[in-house]
């Protein structure tokens, strides 16, 4: 193995030009530019459009030109009809009916909200509700209970406010 490797190395050192590859021939210029003029542009237009060979790995014909660009955002021009302005109906000879205004009423402010009742301390509580210090029973448990008249009252710890 060492001798084979040494022989290959010696061949590379002795003749480095033997392994050098020839540069590839430049491809013909197929894209028109300003220097080619009208003749180059015409030659470019005559080239077939590029397409792939059946294997899909190389071009079917060379040289070829790329497919023309399709701008899907462009649309064909269509004349737009201007919308017809709506015309007011012709004036009639009959007068418009006069509507009467309802009688003016004096401004009456909304009744003031009742002042919140005082906060009362809760006394004893059981599973169905609580009683306050004056003996009034509140039904329910949790942050909202009902007083004897059915109004909701808020509890906060050991206090109740209706």
N, C-alpha and C. Protein backbone atom coordinates (compact mmCIF):
# COMPACT_ATOMS: atom_id res chain seq x y z
N UNK A 1 0.82 -1.19 0.00
CA UNK A 1 0.00 0.00 0.00
C UNK A 1 0.87 1.26 0.00
N UNK A 2 1.93 1.21 0.81
CA UNK A 2 2.82 2.35 0.86
C UNK A 2 3.51 2.58 -0.46
N UNK A 3 3.86 1.53 -1.12
CA UNK A 3 4.56 1.67 -2.40
C UNK A 3 3.65 2.23 -3.48
N UNK A 4 2.37 1.85 -3.46
CA UNK A 4 1.42 2.37 -4.44
C UNK A 4 1.22 3.87 -4.23
N UNK A 5 1.10 4.25 -2.97
CA UNK A 5 0.93 5.66 -2.64
C UNK A 5 2.16 6.47 -3.05
N UNK A 6 3.31 5.94 -2.78
CA UNK A 6 4.55 6.63 -3.14
C UNK A 6 4.69 6.76 -4.65
N UNK A 7 4.25 5.74 -5.38
CA UNK A 7 4.33 5.80 -6.85
C UNK A 7 3.40 6.87 -7.39
N UNK A 8 2.19 6.95 -6.85
CA UNK A 8 1.24 7.98 -7.30
C UNK A 8 1.74 9.37 -6.97
N UNK A 9 2.34 9.52 -5.82
CA UNK A 9 2.89 10.82 -5.43
C UNK A 9 4.03 11.22 -6.35
N UNK A 10 4.84 10.29 -6.70
CA UNK A 10 5.97 10.58 -7.58
C UNK A 10 5.47 10.98 -8.96
N UNK A 11 4.43 10.31 -9.45
CA UNK A 11 3.88 10.68 -10.77
C UNK A 11 3.33 12.09 -10.75
N UNK A 12 2.70 12.46 -9.68
CA UNK A 12 2.14 13.81 -9.58
C UNK A 12 3.24 14.86 -9.54
N UNK A 13 4.32 14.57 -8.83
CA UNK A 13 5.40 15.52 -8.73
C UNK A 13 6.19 15.64 -10.02
N UNK A 14 6.35 14.55 -10.73
CA UNK A 14 7.15 14.57 -11.96
C UNK A 14 6.43 15.29 -13.08
N UNK A 15 5.16 14.98 -13.27
CA UNK A 15 4.43 15.59 -14.39
C UNK A 15 3.15 16.26 -13.88
N UNK A 16 3.28 17.44 -13.31
CA UNK A 16 2.07 18.11 -12.82
C UNK A 16 1.16 18.56 -13.96
N UNK A 17 1.71 18.79 -15.12
CA UNK A 17 0.89 19.26 -16.23
C UNK A 17 0.06 18.15 -16.83
N UNK A 18 0.42 16.88 -16.53
CA UNK A 18 -0.34 15.76 -17.10
C UNK A 18 -1.75 15.69 -16.54
N UNK A 19 -1.92 16.13 -15.29
CA UNK A 19 -3.23 16.05 -14.66
C UNK A 19 -4.05 17.32 -14.87
N UNK A 20 -3.40 18.36 -15.33
CA UNK A 20 -4.13 19.63 -15.49
C UNK A 20 -5.20 19.48 -16.55
N UNK A 21 -6.35 20.02 -16.30
CA UNK A 21 -7.45 19.92 -17.25
C UNK A 21 -7.41 21.10 -18.20
N UNK A 22 -7.86 20.82 -19.38
CA UNK A 22 -7.94 21.89 -20.37
C UNK A 22 -9.11 22.80 -20.00
N UNK A 23 -8.95 24.11 -20.09
CA UNK A 23 -10.08 24.99 -19.77
C UNK A 23 -11.20 24.77 -20.78
N UNK A 24 -12.41 24.80 -20.29
CA UNK A 24 -13.57 24.58 -21.15
C UNK A 24 -13.72 25.74 -22.12
N UNK A 25 -14.19 25.41 -23.31
CA UNK A 25 -14.39 26.45 -24.31
C UNK A 25 -15.51 27.37 -23.83
N UNK A 26 -15.36 28.66 -24.01
CA UNK A 26 -16.41 29.56 -23.55
C UNK A 26 -17.70 29.31 -24.34
N UNK A 27 -18.81 29.39 -23.62
CA UNK A 27 -20.11 29.21 -24.26
C UNK A 27 -20.41 30.38 -25.17
N UNK A 28 -21.12 30.15 -26.24
CA UNK A 28 -21.45 31.27 -27.12
C UNK A 28 -22.36 32.26 -26.40
N UNK A 29 -22.17 33.51 -26.68
CA UNK A 29 -22.96 34.55 -26.04
C UNK A 29 -24.34 34.56 -26.69
N UNK A 30 -25.38 34.28 -25.86
CA UNK A 30 -26.72 34.21 -26.42
C UNK A 30 -27.62 35.32 -25.88
N UNK A 31 -27.15 36.04 -24.90
CA UNK A 31 -27.97 37.11 -24.35
C UNK A 31 -27.57 38.41 -25.03
N UNK A 32 -28.54 39.12 -25.61
CA UNK A 32 -28.18 40.37 -26.30
C UNK A 32 -27.80 41.44 -25.29
N UNK A 33 -26.90 42.28 -25.68
CA UNK A 33 -26.55 43.44 -24.87
C UNK A 33 -26.38 44.63 -25.79
N UNK A 34 -26.03 45.74 -25.24
CA UNK A 34 -25.93 46.98 -26.02
C UNK A 34 -24.81 46.91 -27.04
N UNK A 35 -23.78 46.09 -26.76
CA UNK A 35 -22.64 46.06 -27.69
C UNK A 35 -22.94 45.26 -28.95
N UNK A 36 -23.91 44.32 -28.90
CA UNK A 36 -24.20 43.48 -30.04
C UNK A 36 -25.03 44.16 -31.10
N UNK A 37 -25.84 45.09 -30.71
CA UNK A 37 -26.67 45.80 -31.65
C UNK A 37 -27.91 45.02 -32.04
N UNK A 38 -28.52 45.46 -33.12
CA UNK A 38 -29.78 44.90 -33.59
C UNK A 38 -29.61 43.48 -34.12
N UNK A 39 -28.47 43.17 -34.71
CA UNK A 39 -28.25 41.83 -35.27
C UNK A 39 -28.19 40.79 -34.14
N UNK A 40 -27.53 41.12 -33.04
CA UNK A 40 -27.45 40.19 -31.92
C UNK A 40 -28.82 39.98 -31.29
N UNK A 41 -29.61 41.04 -31.19
CA UNK A 41 -30.95 40.91 -30.63
C UNK A 41 -31.82 40.04 -31.51
N UNK A 42 -31.68 40.18 -32.82
CA UNK A 42 -32.48 39.36 -33.74
C UNK A 42 -32.05 37.90 -33.65
N UNK A 43 -30.74 37.64 -33.54
CA UNK A 43 -30.26 36.27 -33.39
C UNK A 43 -30.77 35.65 -32.09
N UNK A 44 -30.83 36.45 -31.05
CA UNK A 44 -31.35 35.97 -29.77
C UNK A 44 -32.82 35.59 -29.87
N UNK A 45 -33.61 36.40 -30.57
CA UNK A 45 -35.04 36.12 -30.72
C UNK A 45 -35.29 34.85 -31.54
N UNK A 46 -34.36 34.49 -32.41
CA UNK A 46 -34.53 33.29 -33.24
C UNK A 46 -34.19 32.01 -32.50
N UNK A 47 -33.49 32.09 -31.37
CA UNK A 47 -33.14 30.89 -30.61
C UNK A 47 -34.41 30.25 -30.04
N UNK A 48 -34.40 28.91 -29.93
CA UNK A 48 -35.57 28.25 -29.34
C UNK A 48 -35.63 28.50 -27.83
N UNK A 49 -36.81 28.38 -27.27
CA UNK A 49 -36.98 28.55 -25.82
C UNK A 49 -36.40 27.33 -25.14
N UNK A 50 -35.70 27.53 -24.03
CA UNK A 50 -35.05 26.43 -23.31
C UNK A 50 -36.10 25.48 -22.74
N UNK A 51 -35.81 24.17 -22.83
CA UNK A 51 -36.64 23.15 -22.20
C UNK A 51 -35.73 22.01 -21.79
N UNK A 52 -36.18 21.25 -20.79
CA UNK A 52 -35.37 20.17 -20.25
C UNK A 52 -35.51 18.91 -21.10
N UNK A 53 -34.46 18.11 -21.12
CA UNK A 53 -34.48 16.81 -21.78
C UNK A 53 -35.36 15.87 -20.96
N UNK A 54 -35.77 14.74 -21.53
CA UNK A 54 -36.65 13.82 -20.80
C UNK A 54 -36.08 13.37 -19.45
N UNK A 55 -34.79 13.25 -19.31
CA UNK A 55 -34.20 12.86 -18.02
C UNK A 55 -34.35 13.96 -16.98
N UNK A 56 -34.50 15.20 -17.42
CA UNK A 56 -34.68 16.32 -16.51
C UNK A 56 -33.41 16.86 -15.91
N UNK A 57 -32.22 16.40 -16.40
CA UNK A 57 -30.97 16.85 -15.81
C UNK A 57 -30.19 17.78 -16.72
N UNK A 58 -30.57 17.89 -17.98
CA UNK A 58 -29.86 18.80 -18.88
C UNK A 58 -30.85 19.39 -19.88
N UNK A 59 -30.39 20.39 -20.61
CA UNK A 59 -31.25 21.06 -21.57
C UNK A 59 -31.41 20.21 -22.82
N UNK A 60 -32.57 20.33 -23.43
CA UNK A 60 -32.86 19.57 -24.64
C UNK A 60 -32.04 20.10 -25.81
N UNK A 61 -32.00 21.42 -26.00
CA UNK A 61 -31.23 22.05 -27.07
C UNK A 61 -30.37 23.15 -26.48
N UNK A 62 -29.16 23.28 -26.99
CA UNK A 62 -28.29 24.39 -26.59
C UNK A 62 -27.73 25.02 -27.84
N UNK A 63 -27.51 26.24 -27.97
CA UNK A 63 -27.93 27.32 -27.09
C UNK A 63 -29.43 27.55 -27.19
N UNK A 64 -29.99 28.14 -26.15
CA UNK A 64 -31.41 28.45 -26.13
C UNK A 64 -31.61 29.74 -25.35
N UNK A 65 -32.80 30.26 -25.42
CA UNK A 65 -33.10 31.50 -24.68
C UNK A 65 -34.12 31.17 -23.59
N UNK A 66 -34.11 31.90 -22.49
CA UNK A 66 -35.07 31.64 -21.41
C UNK A 66 -36.49 31.97 -21.87
N UNK A 67 -37.44 31.38 -21.20
CA UNK A 67 -38.84 31.63 -21.53
C UNK A 67 -39.17 33.09 -21.26
N UNK A 68 -40.06 33.67 -22.04
CA UNK A 68 -40.41 35.07 -21.82
C UNK A 68 -41.07 35.24 -20.45
N UNK A 69 -40.83 36.38 -19.87
CA UNK A 69 -41.36 36.70 -18.55
C UNK A 69 -42.85 36.98 -18.64
N UNK A 70 -43.61 36.38 -17.73
CA UNK A 70 -45.05 36.63 -17.68
C UNK A 70 -45.35 37.36 -16.39
N UNK A 71 -45.84 38.54 -16.49
CA UNK A 71 -46.22 39.32 -15.33
C UNK A 71 -47.70 39.08 -15.08
N UNK A 72 -48.00 38.29 -14.06
CA UNK A 72 -49.39 37.96 -13.78
C UNK A 72 -50.14 39.13 -13.16
N UNK A 73 -49.42 40.13 -12.68
CA UNK A 73 -50.09 41.28 -12.09
C UNK A 73 -50.70 42.18 -13.16
N UNK A 74 -50.15 42.12 -14.37
CA UNK A 74 -50.71 42.95 -15.43
C UNK A 74 -52.02 42.34 -15.90
N UNK A 75 -52.96 43.18 -16.21
CA UNK A 75 -54.24 42.71 -16.69
C UNK A 75 -54.54 43.41 -17.99
N UNK A 76 -55.41 42.80 -18.73
CA UNK A 76 -55.76 43.43 -20.00
C UNK A 76 -56.60 44.67 -19.74
N UNK A 77 -56.51 45.60 -20.64
CA UNK A 77 -57.21 46.87 -20.48
C UNK A 77 -58.67 46.69 -20.86
N UNK A 78 -59.53 47.12 -19.99
CA UNK A 78 -60.96 47.10 -20.28
C UNK A 78 -61.50 48.49 -19.98
N UNK A 79 -62.32 48.97 -20.85
CA UNK A 79 -62.88 50.30 -20.62
C UNK A 79 -63.84 50.24 -19.45
N UNK A 80 -63.69 51.21 -18.59
CA UNK A 80 -64.56 51.27 -17.43
C UNK A 80 -65.67 52.27 -17.70
N UNK A 81 -66.87 51.81 -17.42
CA UNK A 81 -68.01 52.70 -17.59
C UNK A 81 -68.09 53.57 -16.34
N UNK A 82 -68.19 54.87 -16.55
CA UNK A 82 -68.31 55.78 -15.42
C UNK A 82 -69.69 55.58 -14.79
N UNK A 83 -69.77 55.53 -13.47
CA UNK A 83 -71.07 55.35 -12.84
C UNK A 83 -71.97 56.56 -13.10
N UNK A 84 -73.21 56.25 -13.38
CA UNK A 84 -74.17 57.32 -13.64
C UNK A 84 -74.54 58.00 -12.33
N UNK A 85 -74.49 59.31 -12.28
CA UNK A 85 -74.85 59.99 -11.03
C UNK A 85 -76.35 59.82 -10.76
N UNK A 86 -76.66 59.67 -9.50
CA UNK A 86 -78.07 59.56 -9.14
C UNK A 86 -78.69 60.94 -9.19
N UNK A 87 -79.75 61.00 -9.87
CA UNK A 87 -80.43 62.28 -10.01
C UNK A 87 -81.53 62.38 -8.96
N UNK A 88 -81.73 63.57 -8.47
CA UNK A 88 -82.80 63.81 -7.50
C UNK A 88 -84.14 63.69 -8.23
N UNK A 89 -85.18 63.23 -7.53
CA UNK A 89 -86.48 63.14 -8.20
C UNK A 89 -86.95 64.55 -8.59
N UNK A 90 -87.69 64.63 -9.64
CA UNK A 90 -88.15 65.95 -10.08
C UNK A 90 -89.05 66.56 -9.01
N UNK A 91 -88.97 67.86 -8.85
CA UNK A 91 -89.80 68.50 -7.83
C UNK A 91 -91.29 68.34 -8.19
N UNK A 92 -92.04 68.03 -7.16
CA UNK A 92 -93.48 67.86 -7.41
C UNK A 92 -94.19 69.16 -7.09
N UNK A 93 -95.36 69.28 -7.63
CA UNK A 93 -96.12 70.51 -7.40
C UNK A 93 -96.83 70.47 -6.06
N UNK A 94 -96.90 69.29 -5.43
CA UNK A 94 -97.57 69.20 -4.13
C UNK A 94 -96.59 69.59 -3.03
N UNK A 95 -97.03 70.34 -2.05
CA UNK A 95 -96.14 70.72 -0.93
C UNK A 95 -95.89 69.50 -0.03
N UNK A 96 -94.76 69.51 0.60
CA UNK A 96 -94.42 68.43 1.52
C UNK A 96 -95.28 68.53 2.77
N UNK A 97 -95.67 67.41 3.35
CA UNK A 97 -96.47 67.48 4.58
C UNK A 97 -95.63 68.03 5.72
N UNK A 98 -96.23 68.86 6.52
CA UNK A 98 -95.55 69.46 7.67
C UNK A 98 -95.74 68.56 8.88
N UNK A 99 -94.63 68.21 9.49
CA UNK A 99 -94.70 67.38 10.68
C UNK A 99 -94.71 68.27 11.91
N UNK A 100 -95.49 67.90 12.87
CA UNK A 100 -95.53 68.70 14.09
C UNK A 100 -94.54 68.14 15.09
N UNK A 101 -93.97 69.03 15.84
CA UNK A 101 -93.01 68.63 16.87
C UNK A 101 -93.77 68.26 18.14
N UNK A 102 -93.23 67.28 18.87
CA UNK A 102 -93.88 66.98 20.14
C UNK A 102 -93.66 68.16 21.09
N UNK A 103 -94.56 68.33 22.03
CA UNK A 103 -94.42 69.47 22.95
C UNK A 103 -93.14 69.34 23.78
N UNK A 104 -92.53 70.46 24.03
CA UNK A 104 -91.30 70.47 24.81
C UNK A 104 -91.63 70.17 26.27
N UNK A 105 -90.77 69.39 26.88
CA UNK A 105 -90.96 69.07 28.29
C UNK A 105 -89.79 69.63 29.07
N UNK A 106 -90.05 69.90 30.29
CA UNK A 106 -88.99 70.42 31.15
C UNK A 106 -88.02 69.29 31.47
N UNK A 107 -86.77 69.65 31.63
CA UNK A 107 -85.75 68.67 31.95
C UNK A 107 -85.94 68.19 33.37
N UNK A 108 -86.05 66.88 33.49
CA UNK A 108 -86.18 66.28 34.81
C UNK A 108 -84.98 65.38 35.01
N UNK A 109 -84.14 65.68 35.99
CA UNK A 109 -82.97 64.84 36.19
C UNK A 109 -83.39 63.45 36.69
N UNK A 110 -82.55 62.47 36.38
CA UNK A 110 -82.81 61.12 36.84
C UNK A 110 -82.73 61.09 38.36
N UNK A 111 -83.53 60.22 38.98
CA UNK A 111 -83.47 60.16 40.44
C UNK A 111 -82.07 59.74 40.89
N UNK A 112 -81.64 60.32 41.95
CA UNK A 112 -80.30 60.03 42.47
C UNK A 112 -80.27 58.60 42.98
N UNK A 113 -79.14 57.99 42.78
CA UNK A 113 -78.97 56.62 43.26
C UNK A 113 -78.99 56.64 44.78
N UNK A 114 -79.64 55.62 45.35
CA UNK A 114 -79.68 55.61 46.82
C UNK A 114 -78.28 55.48 47.39
N UNK A 115 -78.05 56.15 48.46
CA UNK A 115 -76.75 56.10 49.10
C UNK A 115 -76.53 54.69 49.64
N UNK A 116 -75.32 54.20 49.50
CA UNK A 116 -75.08 52.85 50.02
C UNK A 116 -75.31 52.81 51.53
N UNK A 117 -75.91 51.70 51.92
CA UNK A 117 -76.16 51.55 53.36
C UNK A 117 -74.83 51.32 54.08
N UNK A 118 -74.89 51.44 55.31
CA UNK A 118 -73.66 51.30 56.07
C UNK A 118 -73.19 49.85 56.06
N UNK A 119 -71.95 49.71 56.30
CA UNK A 119 -71.36 48.39 56.37
C UNK A 119 -71.61 47.85 57.77
N UNK A 120 -72.11 46.61 57.82
CA UNK A 120 -72.42 46.00 59.11
C UNK A 120 -71.52 44.80 59.33
N UNK A 121 -71.14 44.56 60.56
CA UNK A 121 -70.31 43.38 60.85
C UNK A 121 -71.16 42.12 60.86
N UNK A 122 -70.59 41.03 60.34
CA UNK A 122 -71.27 39.74 60.38
C UNK A 122 -71.04 39.08 61.73
N UNK A 123 -72.06 38.36 62.15
CA UNK A 123 -71.93 37.61 63.41
C UNK A 123 -71.58 36.17 63.12
N UNK A 124 -72.55 35.29 63.35
CA UNK A 124 -72.31 33.87 63.16
C UNK A 124 -72.73 33.44 61.77
N UNK A 125 -72.06 32.44 61.22
CA UNK A 125 -72.37 31.90 59.90
C UNK A 125 -72.53 30.40 60.02
N UNK A 126 -73.40 29.84 59.19
CA UNK A 126 -73.54 28.40 59.09
C UNK A 126 -73.52 28.02 57.61
N UNK A 127 -73.89 26.79 57.26
CA UNK A 127 -73.81 26.33 55.87
C UNK A 127 -74.83 27.02 54.98
N UNK A 128 -75.95 27.54 55.52
CA UNK A 128 -77.00 28.15 54.72
C UNK A 128 -76.86 29.65 54.62
N UNK A 129 -76.09 30.30 55.47
CA UNK A 129 -75.96 31.74 55.42
C UNK A 129 -75.34 32.29 56.68
N UNK A 130 -75.54 33.63 56.89
CA UNK A 130 -74.94 34.31 58.04
C UNK A 130 -75.97 35.24 58.68
N UNK A 131 -75.69 35.64 59.91
CA UNK A 131 -76.46 36.66 60.62
C UNK A 131 -75.51 37.80 60.95
N UNK A 132 -76.06 39.05 60.88
CA UNK A 132 -75.21 40.18 61.27
C UNK A 132 -75.35 40.42 62.77
N UNK A 133 -74.69 41.47 63.26
CA UNK A 133 -74.66 41.74 64.69
C UNK A 133 -76.06 42.04 65.24
N UNK A 134 -76.98 42.59 64.38
CA UNK A 134 -78.33 42.89 64.86
C UNK A 134 -79.27 41.71 64.71
N UNK A 135 -78.83 40.58 64.17
CA UNK A 135 -79.63 39.38 64.06
C UNK A 135 -80.30 39.19 62.71
N UNK A 136 -80.07 40.07 61.72
CA UNK A 136 -80.66 39.95 60.39
C UNK A 136 -80.00 38.78 59.67
N UNK A 137 -80.84 37.91 59.07
CA UNK A 137 -80.34 36.70 58.40
C UNK A 137 -80.05 37.00 56.93
N UNK A 138 -78.90 36.56 56.42
CA UNK A 138 -78.48 36.68 55.02
C UNK A 138 -78.35 35.27 54.46
N UNK A 139 -79.08 34.97 53.37
CA UNK A 139 -79.07 33.63 52.77
C UNK A 139 -77.93 33.51 51.76
N UNK A 140 -77.26 32.36 51.75
CA UNK A 140 -76.21 32.08 50.78
C UNK A 140 -74.83 32.15 51.39
N UNK A 141 -73.88 31.70 50.60
CA UNK A 141 -72.48 31.76 51.03
C UNK A 141 -71.67 32.35 49.90
N UNK A 142 -70.48 32.79 50.20
CA UNK A 142 -69.60 33.36 49.18
C UNK A 142 -69.64 34.87 49.21
N UNK A 143 -69.17 35.51 48.14
CA UNK A 143 -69.07 36.98 48.15
C UNK A 143 -70.42 37.69 47.99
N UNK A 144 -71.46 36.98 47.52
CA UNK A 144 -72.78 37.62 47.35
C UNK A 144 -73.81 36.81 48.12
N UNK A 145 -74.54 37.49 49.00
CA UNK A 145 -75.62 36.88 49.77
C UNK A 145 -76.87 37.70 49.58
N UNK A 146 -78.03 37.15 49.97
CA UNK A 146 -79.31 37.84 49.82
C UNK A 146 -79.82 38.25 51.19
N UNK A 147 -80.29 39.52 51.30
CA UNK A 147 -80.88 39.97 52.56
C UNK A 147 -82.32 39.47 52.65
N UNK A 148 -83.04 39.73 53.74
CA UNK A 148 -84.40 39.22 53.89
C UNK A 148 -85.37 39.71 52.81
N UNK A 149 -85.13 40.88 52.19
CA UNK A 149 -86.03 41.36 51.14
C UNK A 149 -85.61 40.86 49.75
N UNK A 150 -84.52 40.08 49.62
CA UNK A 150 -84.09 39.50 48.35
C UNK A 150 -83.05 40.31 47.60
N UNK A 151 -82.59 41.42 48.17
CA UNK A 151 -81.56 42.22 47.51
C UNK A 151 -80.20 41.55 47.66
N UNK A 152 -79.35 41.63 46.63
CA UNK A 152 -78.01 41.06 46.78
C UNK A 152 -77.14 41.97 47.64
N UNK A 153 -76.35 41.37 48.49
CA UNK A 153 -75.42 42.10 49.35
C UNK A 153 -74.04 41.48 49.18
N UNK A 154 -73.04 42.32 49.31
CA UNK A 154 -71.66 41.88 49.12
C UNK A 154 -71.01 41.66 50.48
N UNK A 155 -70.31 40.53 50.59
CA UNK A 155 -69.59 40.27 51.83
C UNK A 155 -68.10 40.39 51.56
N UNK A 156 -67.39 40.86 52.58
CA UNK A 156 -65.95 40.98 52.49
C UNK A 156 -65.37 40.59 53.82
N UNK A 157 -64.98 39.35 53.90
CA UNK A 157 -64.46 38.85 55.16
C UNK A 157 -65.57 38.79 56.21
N UNK A 158 -65.48 39.60 57.24
CA UNK A 158 -66.47 39.61 58.32
C UNK A 158 -67.39 40.82 58.22
N UNK A 159 -67.58 41.39 57.07
CA UNK A 159 -68.42 42.55 56.89
C UNK A 159 -69.42 42.28 55.75
N UNK A 160 -70.60 42.92 55.81
CA UNK A 160 -71.61 42.80 54.76
C UNK A 160 -72.09 44.20 54.40
N UNK A 161 -72.30 44.44 53.10
CA UNK A 161 -72.78 45.74 52.61
C UNK A 161 -73.87 45.49 51.57
N UNK A 162 -75.03 46.09 51.78
CA UNK A 162 -76.15 45.93 50.84
C UNK A 162 -76.37 47.19 50.02
